[in-house]
N, C-alpha and C. Protein backbone atom coordinates (compact mmCIF):
# COMPACT_ATOMS: atom_id res chain seq x y z
N MET A 1 -0.06 -10.28 28.47
CA MET A 1 0.34 -8.83 27.99
C MET A 1 1.58 -8.58 26.82
N LEU A 2 0.88 -7.53 26.22
CA LEU A 2 1.80 -7.26 25.21
C LEU A 2 3.40 -6.23 25.13
N THR A 3 3.91 -6.33 25.03
CA THR A 3 5.14 -5.02 25.67
C THR A 3 5.78 -4.61 24.17
N PHE A 4 6.50 -3.53 24.41
CA PHE A 4 7.16 -3.03 22.86
C PHE A 4 7.92 -1.97 23.18
N ARG A 5 9.09 -2.47 22.92
CA ARG A 5 10.30 -1.54 22.99
C ARG A 5 10.88 -1.10 21.96
N CYS A 6 11.07 0.74 22.20
CA CYS A 6 10.99 1.20 21.25
C CYS A 6 12.73 0.95 20.39
N LEU A 7 13.79 0.77 19.05
CA LEU A 7 14.33 0.82 18.78
C LEU A 7 14.87 1.09 17.50
N PRO A 8 15.95 1.24 16.93
CA PRO A 8 16.19 2.01 15.53
C PRO A 8 15.98 1.22 14.64
N ARG A 9 15.07 1.56 13.64
CA ARG A 9 14.35 0.92 12.82
C ARG A 9 15.66 -0.22 12.04
N SER A 10 16.94 -0.11 12.04
CA SER A 10 17.93 -0.98 11.38
C SER A 10 18.51 -1.97 12.50
N SER A 11 17.93 -2.16 14.12
CA SER A 11 18.74 -3.14 14.90
C SER A 11 18.09 -4.49 14.51
N PRO A 12 19.07 -5.16 14.59
CA PRO A 12 18.91 -6.77 14.69
C PRO A 12 17.95 -7.10 15.20
N GLU A 13 17.28 -6.52 16.65
CA GLU A 13 16.42 -6.80 17.40
C GLU A 13 14.76 -6.79 17.10
N THR A 14 14.94 -5.73 16.34
CA THR A 14 13.25 -4.95 15.65
C THR A 14 12.64 -5.86 14.82
N ASP A 15 11.76 -5.85 15.48
CA ASP A 15 10.40 -7.15 15.00
C ASP A 15 9.28 -6.56 14.44
N ALA A 16 9.02 -5.36 14.89
CA ALA A 16 7.67 -4.77 15.00
C ALA A 16 7.30 -3.49 14.78
N VAL A 17 6.00 -2.81 14.60
CA VAL A 17 6.05 -1.20 14.66
C VAL A 17 5.14 -1.29 15.38
N GLU A 18 4.89 0.18 16.04
CA GLU A 18 3.61 0.90 16.68
C GLU A 18 3.63 1.74 15.85
N ILE A 19 2.01 1.70 15.98
CA ILE A 19 1.03 2.72 14.97
C ILE A 19 0.73 3.30 16.17
N GLU A 20 0.51 4.92 16.26
CA GLU A 20 -0.21 5.26 16.75
C GLU A 20 -0.74 6.46 16.07
N VAL A 21 -2.62 6.35 15.89
CA VAL A 21 -3.10 7.29 15.31
C VAL A 21 -4.11 8.03 15.70
N PRO A 22 -4.35 9.33 15.35
CA PRO A 22 -5.74 10.51 16.19
C PRO A 22 -6.79 9.34 15.18
N GLY A 23 -7.94 10.44 15.66
CA GLY A 23 -9.32 10.09 14.93
C GLY A 23 -9.97 9.00 15.26
N VAL A 24 -9.87 8.24 16.17
CA VAL A 24 -10.51 6.52 15.91
C VAL A 24 -11.42 6.31 16.62
N ARG A 25 -12.60 5.52 16.24
CA ARG A 25 -13.70 5.36 17.37
C ARG A 25 -13.48 3.53 17.62
N VAL A 26 -13.58 3.15 18.49
CA VAL A 26 -13.48 1.93 18.80
C VAL A 26 -14.71 0.95 17.80
N SER A 27 -16.20 1.84 18.27
CA SER A 27 -17.13 0.77 17.39
C SER A 27 -16.36 0.80 16.13
N ARG A 28 -15.84 1.81 15.46
CA ARG A 28 -15.65 1.62 13.84
C ARG A 28 -13.98 0.45 14.26
N VAL A 29 -13.12 0.59 15.14
CA VAL A 29 -12.17 -1.16 14.70
C VAL A 29 -13.30 -2.32 14.62
N ARG A 30 -13.87 -2.18 15.82
CA ARG A 30 -14.77 -3.48 15.74
C ARG A 30 -15.23 -4.13 14.17
N GLU A 31 -16.07 -3.28 13.84
CA GLU A 31 -16.52 -3.42 12.52
C GLU A 31 -16.08 -3.55 11.49
N ALA A 32 -14.33 -3.12 11.43
CA ALA A 32 -13.21 -3.48 10.48
C ALA A 32 -13.08 -4.43 10.52
N LEU A 33 -12.66 -5.05 11.63
CA LEU A 33 -12.02 -6.09 12.06
C LEU A 33 -12.76 -7.46 11.39
N LEU A 34 -14.06 -7.18 11.82
CA LEU A 34 -14.75 -8.23 11.19
C LEU A 34 -15.46 -7.94 10.02
N ALA A 35 -15.15 -7.00 9.57
CA ALA A 35 -15.13 -6.88 7.85
C ALA A 35 -13.78 -7.51 7.22
N ASP A 36 -13.18 -7.37 8.01
CA ASP A 36 -11.38 -7.99 6.89
C ASP A 36 -10.55 -9.03 7.39
N PRO A 37 -11.03 -9.88 7.33
CA PRO A 37 -10.33 -11.26 7.44
C PRO A 37 -8.61 -11.24 7.85
N GLU A 38 -7.93 -10.40 6.87
CA GLU A 38 -6.87 -10.14 6.65
C GLU A 38 -6.06 -9.45 8.23
N ALA A 39 -7.02 -8.32 7.98
CA ALA A 39 -6.27 -7.72 9.59
C ALA A 39 -6.28 -8.60 10.53
N ARG A 40 -7.86 -9.68 10.20
CA ARG A 40 -8.05 -10.04 12.04
C ARG A 40 -7.02 -11.04 12.36
N GLU A 41 -6.51 -11.86 11.07
CA GLU A 41 -4.91 -12.69 11.14
C GLU A 41 -4.01 -11.87 11.49
N LYS A 42 -3.79 -10.85 10.83
CA LYS A 42 -2.00 -10.41 10.61
C LYS A 42 -1.93 -9.58 11.83
N LEU A 43 -2.64 -8.70 12.31
CA LEU A 43 -2.55 -7.70 13.08
C LEU A 43 -2.76 -8.18 14.60
N GLY A 44 -1.70 -7.84 15.25
CA GLY A 44 -1.43 -8.87 16.54
C GLY A 44 -2.33 -8.49 18.01
N GLY A 45 -2.00 -6.95 18.45
CA GLY A 45 -2.86 -6.31 18.90
C GLY A 45 -2.58 -5.08 18.78
N GLY A 46 -4.10 -4.47 19.43
CA GLY A 46 -4.56 -2.44 19.22
C GLY A 46 -5.41 -2.27 20.03
N SER A 47 -5.13 -0.96 20.77
CA SER A 47 -6.75 -0.65 21.47
C SER A 47 -6.79 0.76 21.21
N VAL A 48 -7.73 1.46 21.54
CA VAL A 48 -8.17 3.00 21.21
C VAL A 48 -8.51 3.23 22.62
N THR A 49 -7.65 4.81 22.44
CA THR A 49 -7.62 5.51 24.03
C THR A 49 -8.74 6.21 24.35
N LEU A 50 -8.76 6.62 25.04
CA LEU A 50 -10.31 7.28 25.89
C LEU A 50 -10.38 8.43 24.96
N ASP A 51 -9.24 9.57 23.89
CA ASP A 51 -9.25 10.58 23.07
C ASP A 51 -8.94 10.04 21.72
N GLY A 52 -9.64 8.94 21.46
CA GLY A 52 -9.63 8.55 20.30
C GLY A 52 -8.08 8.37 19.20
N ARG A 53 -7.37 7.53 20.32
CA ARG A 53 -6.12 7.71 19.13
C ARG A 53 -5.96 5.87 19.53
N LEU A 54 -5.87 5.49 18.23
CA LEU A 54 -5.52 4.10 18.08
C LEU A 54 -4.27 3.80 17.87
N LEU A 55 -3.91 2.57 19.22
CA LEU A 55 -2.72 2.24 19.17
C LEU A 55 -2.48 0.92 18.54
N LEU A 56 -1.56 0.59 17.80
CA LEU A 56 -1.82 -0.85 16.88
C LEU A 56 0.00 -0.92 16.74
N VAL A 57 0.23 -2.65 17.33
CA VAL A 57 0.95 -2.99 16.94
C VAL A 57 1.36 -4.27 16.39
N ALA A 58 2.15 -4.31 15.10
CA ALA A 58 2.15 -5.51 14.63
C ALA A 58 3.54 -5.91 13.51
N PRO A 59 3.89 -7.04 13.23
CA PRO A 59 4.61 -7.65 12.67
C PRO A 59 5.62 -6.24 12.12
N VAL A 60 6.73 -6.04 11.33
CA VAL A 60 7.75 -5.09 10.39
C VAL A 60 6.61 -5.69 9.19
N ASP A 61 7.06 -6.63 8.45
CA ASP A 61 6.34 -7.36 7.56
C ASP A 61 4.80 -6.92 7.23
N ASP A 62 4.45 -6.93 8.65
CA ASP A 62 2.88 -6.16 8.38
C ASP A 62 2.09 -5.14 8.10
N LEU A 63 3.52 -4.09 8.17
CA LEU A 63 2.96 -2.76 8.10
C LEU A 63 2.36 -2.28 6.64
N PRO A 64 2.26 -2.64 5.78
CA PRO A 64 1.71 -2.76 4.54
C PRO A 64 0.30 -2.91 5.12
N PRO A 65 -0.51 -3.47 5.56
CA PRO A 65 -1.84 -4.24 5.74
C PRO A 65 -2.20 -3.50 7.14
N ALA A 66 -1.55 -3.00 7.91
CA ALA A 66 -1.59 -2.19 8.47
C ALA A 66 -2.21 -0.88 8.03
N ARG A 67 -1.48 -0.21 7.38
CA ARG A 67 -1.81 1.02 7.35
C ARG A 67 -2.80 1.13 6.59
N ARG A 68 -2.90 0.05 5.64
CA ARG A 68 -4.34 -0.33 4.87
C ARG A 68 -5.74 -0.37 5.90
N PHE A 69 -5.34 -0.97 6.86
CA PHE A 69 -6.60 -0.79 7.85
C PHE A 69 -6.65 0.16 8.54
N THR A 70 -5.59 0.77 8.99
CA THR A 70 -5.61 2.45 9.83
C THR A 70 -6.40 3.01 8.97
N THR A 71 -6.44 3.36 7.77
CA THR A 71 -6.60 4.47 6.74
C THR A 71 -8.00 3.64 6.48
N ALA A 72 -8.72 2.39 6.49
CA ALA A 72 -9.89 1.84 6.27
C ALA A 72 -10.88 2.50 7.38
N LEU A 73 -9.70 2.55 8.79
CA LEU A 73 -10.87 2.92 10.07
C LEU A 73 -11.22 4.83 9.62
N GLY A 74 -10.86 5.15 8.77
CA GLY A 74 -10.91 6.78 8.08
C GLY A 74 -10.08 7.50 8.66
N ALA A 75 -9.05 6.92 9.85
CA ALA A 75 -7.86 7.85 10.21
C ALA A 75 -6.96 8.47 9.35
N ASP A 76 -6.48 9.12 9.39
CA ASP A 76 -5.56 9.92 8.26
C ASP A 76 -4.19 9.51 8.66
N TRP A 77 -3.37 8.74 7.67
CA TRP A 77 -1.98 8.37 7.70
C TRP A 77 -1.41 9.03 8.27
N ASP A 78 -1.22 10.38 7.50
CA ASP A 78 -0.49 11.71 7.34
C ASP A 78 -0.15 11.99 9.20
N GLN A 79 -1.20 11.44 9.70
CA GLN A 79 -1.10 12.47 11.53
C GLN A 79 -0.29 11.04 11.92
N ALA A 80 -0.27 9.41 11.08
CA ALA A 80 0.36 8.89 12.31
C ALA A 80 1.56 8.98 12.42
N ARG A 81 1.68 7.74 13.56
CA ARG A 81 3.25 8.33 14.30
C ARG A 81 4.17 6.65 14.16
N VAL A 82 4.64 5.80 13.36
CA VAL A 82 5.01 5.30 13.49
C VAL A 82 6.07 4.78 14.05
N ARG A 83 6.43 3.91 14.76
CA ARG A 83 7.80 3.78 16.19
C ARG A 83 8.18 1.99 15.75
N TYR A 84 9.17 1.63 15.61
CA TYR A 84 9.85 0.74 15.29
C TYR A 84 10.51 0.09 16.74
N GLY A 85 10.51 -1.31 16.96
CA GLY A 85 11.42 -2.04 18.29
C GLY A 85 10.09 -3.13 18.08
N ASP A 86 10.70 -3.62 19.02
CA ASP A 86 10.66 -5.04 19.87
C ASP A 86 9.35 -5.85 20.42
N ARG A 87 8.69 -6.23 19.83
CA ARG A 87 7.46 -6.50 20.96
C ARG A 87 7.71 -7.73 21.37
N ASP A 88 7.19 -8.34 22.54
CA ASP A 88 7.10 -9.26 23.28
C ASP A 88 5.63 -9.37 23.96
N PHE A 89 5.02 -10.53 24.37
CA PHE A 89 4.13 -11.10 24.64
C PHE A 89 4.76 -11.98 26.43
N VAL A 90 3.88 -11.42 26.97
CA VAL A 90 4.60 -11.86 28.49
C VAL A 90 3.15 -12.45 29.26
N THR A 91 3.64 -14.05 30.00
CA THR A 91 2.35 -14.30 30.52
C THR A 91 2.88 -14.02 31.95
N GLY A 92 1.59 -14.35 32.95
CA GLY A 92 1.79 -14.37 34.05
C GLY A 92 2.42 -14.86 34.83
N ALA A 93 2.35 -16.14 34.62
CA ALA A 93 2.98 -17.38 35.15
C ALA A 93 4.07 -17.90 34.47
N PRO A 94 5.23 -18.62 35.02
CA PRO A 94 6.65 -18.69 34.29
C PRO A 94 6.46 -20.67 34.19
């Protein structure tokens, strides 16, 4: 499971961004990932909500490719909400 804790951009613990942008279809995300090897490799995790909002978590350094990927989906970057913070992958068993 991926967790994300919002932090100030300047925090030493900040290592990721969470991007939320409306107007995205699930099928378009799949198509775009198949067509974009860089996005498949760099962008760690994301999902599309039932109301069509993309939620994408990526390393801070990968914000430029995440932005390119998001706009390639046809989403309006001006509508995007970008939060900075700390991401962590949690496994089920210790």
